[in-house]
């Protein structure tokens, strides 16, 4: 969903400015310990290969969060 039409952002100062957002969970076992995020100003799809890279990076980053 694009930020311009996302009703959860209604009234937020960045509505319509940050239009692409992807978050990948950082996990330690079953526990959520953070989120690895990417955002863009234009509304752009994230290619599958880049999502896979983010997911793999999140697995590595999670080892260094605590």
N, C-alpha and C. Protein backbone atom coordinates (compact mmCIF):
# COMPACT_ATOMS: atom_id res chain seq x y z
N UNK A 1 0.85 -1.18 0.00
CA UNK A 1 0.00 0.00 0.00
C UNK A 1 0.89 1.23 0.00
N UNK A 2 0.55 2.21 -0.76
CA UNK A 2 1.31 3.45 -0.82
C UNK A 2 0.95 4.34 0.35
N UNK A 3 1.96 5.05 0.89
CA UNK A 3 1.77 5.93 2.03
C UNK A 3 0.72 7.00 1.82
N UNK A 4 0.52 7.41 0.59
CA UNK A 4 -0.47 8.45 0.32
C UNK A 4 -1.87 7.98 0.67
N UNK A 5 -2.16 6.68 0.44
CA UNK A 5 -3.51 6.15 0.65
C UNK A 5 -3.65 5.37 1.96
N UNK A 6 -2.60 5.21 2.72
CA UNK A 6 -2.64 4.43 3.95
C UNK A 6 -3.30 5.25 5.05
N UNK A 7 -4.51 4.86 5.44
CA UNK A 7 -5.26 5.64 6.43
C UNK A 7 -4.58 5.67 7.79
N UNK A 8 -3.68 4.72 8.07
CA UNK A 8 -2.98 4.72 9.35
C UNK A 8 -2.05 5.93 9.48
N UNK A 9 -1.73 6.55 8.36
CA UNK A 9 -0.84 7.71 8.38
C UNK A 9 -1.60 9.03 8.37
N UNK A 10 -2.90 8.97 8.46
CA UNK A 10 -3.72 10.18 8.39
C UNK A 10 -3.23 11.22 9.39
N UNK A 11 -2.85 12.38 8.88
CA UNK A 11 -2.38 13.48 9.71
C UNK A 11 -0.90 13.43 10.06
N UNK A 12 -0.20 12.37 9.68
CA UNK A 12 1.23 12.26 9.98
C UNK A 12 2.01 13.19 9.05
N UNK A 13 3.02 13.91 9.56
CA UNK A 13 3.74 14.87 8.72
C UNK A 13 4.48 14.23 7.53
N UNK A 14 4.79 12.92 7.60
CA UNK A 14 5.51 12.28 6.49
C UNK A 14 4.58 11.57 5.51
N UNK A 15 3.28 11.68 5.71
CA UNK A 15 2.34 11.07 4.76
C UNK A 15 2.55 11.70 3.39
N UNK A 16 2.75 10.86 2.39
CA UNK A 16 2.98 11.35 1.04
C UNK A 16 4.43 11.68 0.75
N UNK A 17 5.32 11.58 1.75
CA UNK A 17 6.75 11.85 1.54
C UNK A 17 7.52 10.54 1.49
N UNK A 18 7.39 9.73 2.53
CA UNK A 18 7.98 8.39 2.54
C UNK A 18 6.90 7.45 2.02
N UNK A 19 7.10 6.93 0.81
CA UNK A 19 6.05 6.17 0.14
C UNK A 19 6.34 4.69 -0.03
N UNK A 20 7.53 4.24 0.32
CA UNK A 20 7.87 2.82 0.26
C UNK A 20 8.55 2.44 1.56
N UNK A 21 8.09 1.36 2.17
CA UNK A 21 8.66 0.93 3.44
C UNK A 21 8.59 -0.59 3.52
N UNK A 22 9.71 -1.20 3.90
CA UNK A 22 9.77 -2.65 4.11
C UNK A 22 10.49 -2.88 5.43
N UNK A 23 9.94 -3.73 6.27
CA UNK A 23 10.58 -4.10 7.52
C UNK A 23 10.69 -5.61 7.63
N UNK A 24 11.85 -6.08 8.08
CA UNK A 24 12.11 -7.50 8.26
C UNK A 24 12.43 -7.73 9.74
N UNK A 25 11.78 -8.69 10.37
CA UNK A 25 12.01 -8.89 11.81
C UNK A 25 13.42 -9.42 12.10
N UNK A 26 13.99 -8.93 13.21
CA UNK A 26 15.21 -9.49 13.76
C UNK A 26 14.77 -10.41 14.89
N UNK A 27 15.14 -11.66 14.80
CA UNK A 27 14.67 -12.65 15.77
C UNK A 27 15.85 -13.34 16.45
N UNK A 28 15.60 -13.66 17.70
CA UNK A 28 16.50 -14.52 18.47
C UNK A 28 15.64 -15.68 18.93
N UNK A 29 15.73 -16.79 18.21
CA UNK A 29 14.80 -17.89 18.45
C UNK A 29 13.41 -17.45 18.06
N UNK A 30 12.47 -17.57 18.98
CA UNK A 30 11.09 -17.13 18.73
C UNK A 30 10.85 -15.69 19.14
N UNK A 31 11.85 -15.05 19.77
CA UNK A 31 11.67 -13.68 20.28
C UNK A 31 11.98 -12.64 19.20
N UNK A 32 11.11 -11.65 19.09
CA UNK A 32 11.34 -10.51 18.22
C UNK A 32 12.22 -9.53 18.98
N UNK A 33 13.40 -9.20 18.43
CA UNK A 33 14.33 -8.31 19.13
C UNK A 33 14.58 -7.00 18.38
N UNK A 34 13.98 -6.85 17.22
CA UNK A 34 14.13 -5.61 16.47
C UNK A 34 13.59 -5.75 15.06
N UNK A 35 13.86 -4.73 14.26
CA UNK A 35 13.40 -4.72 12.87
C UNK A 35 14.48 -4.08 12.00
N UNK A 36 14.76 -4.69 10.87
CA UNK A 36 15.67 -4.15 9.86
C UNK A 36 14.79 -3.53 8.79
N UNK A 37 14.93 -2.22 8.57
CA UNK A 37 13.99 -1.49 7.71
C UNK A 37 14.68 -0.80 6.54
N UNK A 38 13.90 -0.61 5.50
CA UNK A 38 14.31 0.13 4.31
C UNK A 38 13.14 1.02 3.90
N UNK A 39 13.45 2.28 3.54
CA UNK A 39 12.38 3.14 3.02
C UNK A 39 12.90 3.94 1.84
N UNK A 40 11.96 4.38 1.02
CA UNK A 40 12.25 5.23 -0.14
C UNK A 40 11.21 6.32 -0.20
N UNK A 41 11.58 7.42 -0.79
CA UNK A 41 10.64 8.52 -0.98
C UNK A 41 9.67 8.22 -2.12
N UNK A 42 10.15 7.74 -3.29
CA UNK A 42 9.16 7.37 -4.31
C UNK A 42 8.52 6.02 -3.98
N UNK A 43 7.33 5.81 -4.50
CA UNK A 43 6.63 4.54 -4.30
C UNK A 43 7.21 3.51 -5.28
N UNK A 44 8.16 2.72 -4.78
CA UNK A 44 8.84 1.73 -5.61
C UNK A 44 8.67 0.34 -5.02
N UNK A 45 8.45 -0.66 -5.86
CA UNK A 45 8.41 -2.03 -5.34
C UNK A 45 9.83 -2.50 -4.99
N UNK A 46 9.95 -3.34 -4.00
CA UNK A 46 11.24 -3.92 -3.64
C UNK A 46 11.36 -5.25 -4.38
N UNK A 47 12.36 -5.39 -5.25
CA UNK A 47 12.51 -6.66 -5.98
C UNK A 47 12.72 -7.84 -5.02
N UNK A 48 12.27 -9.01 -5.43
CA UNK A 48 12.37 -10.20 -4.60
C UNK A 48 13.81 -10.46 -4.14
N UNK A 49 14.77 -10.25 -5.03
CA UNK A 49 16.18 -10.49 -4.67
C UNK A 49 16.64 -9.55 -3.56
N UNK A 50 16.18 -8.32 -3.58
CA UNK A 50 16.55 -7.37 -2.52
C UNK A 50 15.85 -7.72 -1.21
N UNK A 51 14.62 -8.21 -1.28
CA UNK A 51 13.94 -8.65 -0.07
C UNK A 51 14.68 -9.84 0.54
N UNK A 52 15.11 -10.76 -0.31
CA UNK A 52 15.87 -11.92 0.18
C UNK A 52 17.17 -11.47 0.84
N UNK A 53 17.83 -10.47 0.27
CA UNK A 53 19.05 -9.93 0.86
C UNK A 53 18.76 -9.32 2.24
N UNK A 54 17.67 -8.56 2.34
CA UNK A 54 17.29 -7.99 3.63
C UNK A 54 17.00 -9.08 4.66
N UNK A 55 16.31 -10.11 4.25
CA UNK A 55 15.98 -11.22 5.16
C UNK A 55 17.26 -11.91 5.64
N UNK A 56 18.20 -12.13 4.72
CA UNK A 56 19.46 -12.76 5.10
C UNK A 56 20.28 -11.85 6.01
N UNK A 57 20.29 -10.56 5.69
CA UNK A 57 21.02 -9.60 6.52
C UNK A 57 20.42 -9.52 7.92
N UNK A 58 19.11 -9.60 8.02
CA UNK A 58 18.45 -9.56 9.33
C UNK A 58 18.89 -10.74 10.18
N UNK A 59 19.05 -11.89 9.56
CA UNK A 59 19.53 -13.07 10.30
C UNK A 59 20.92 -12.86 10.87
N UNK A 60 21.78 -12.18 10.10
CA UNK A 60 23.14 -11.89 10.57
C UNK A 60 23.15 -10.78 11.61
N UNK A 61 22.36 -9.74 11.38
CA UNK A 61 22.32 -8.60 12.30
C UNK A 61 21.79 -8.99 13.68
N UNK A 62 20.84 -9.91 13.70
CA UNK A 62 20.22 -10.30 14.96
C UNK A 62 21.25 -10.83 15.95
N UNK A 63 22.33 -11.39 15.46
CA UNK A 63 23.38 -11.93 16.32
C UNK A 63 24.14 -10.83 17.06
N UNK A 64 24.01 -9.58 16.59
CA UNK A 64 24.81 -8.48 17.14
C UNK A 64 23.98 -7.40 17.85
N UNK A 65 22.67 -7.63 17.97
CA UNK A 65 21.80 -6.62 18.55
C UNK A 65 21.91 -6.58 20.07
N UNK A 66 22.00 -7.71 20.69
CA UNK A 66 22.04 -7.73 22.16
C UNK A 66 23.44 -7.67 22.67
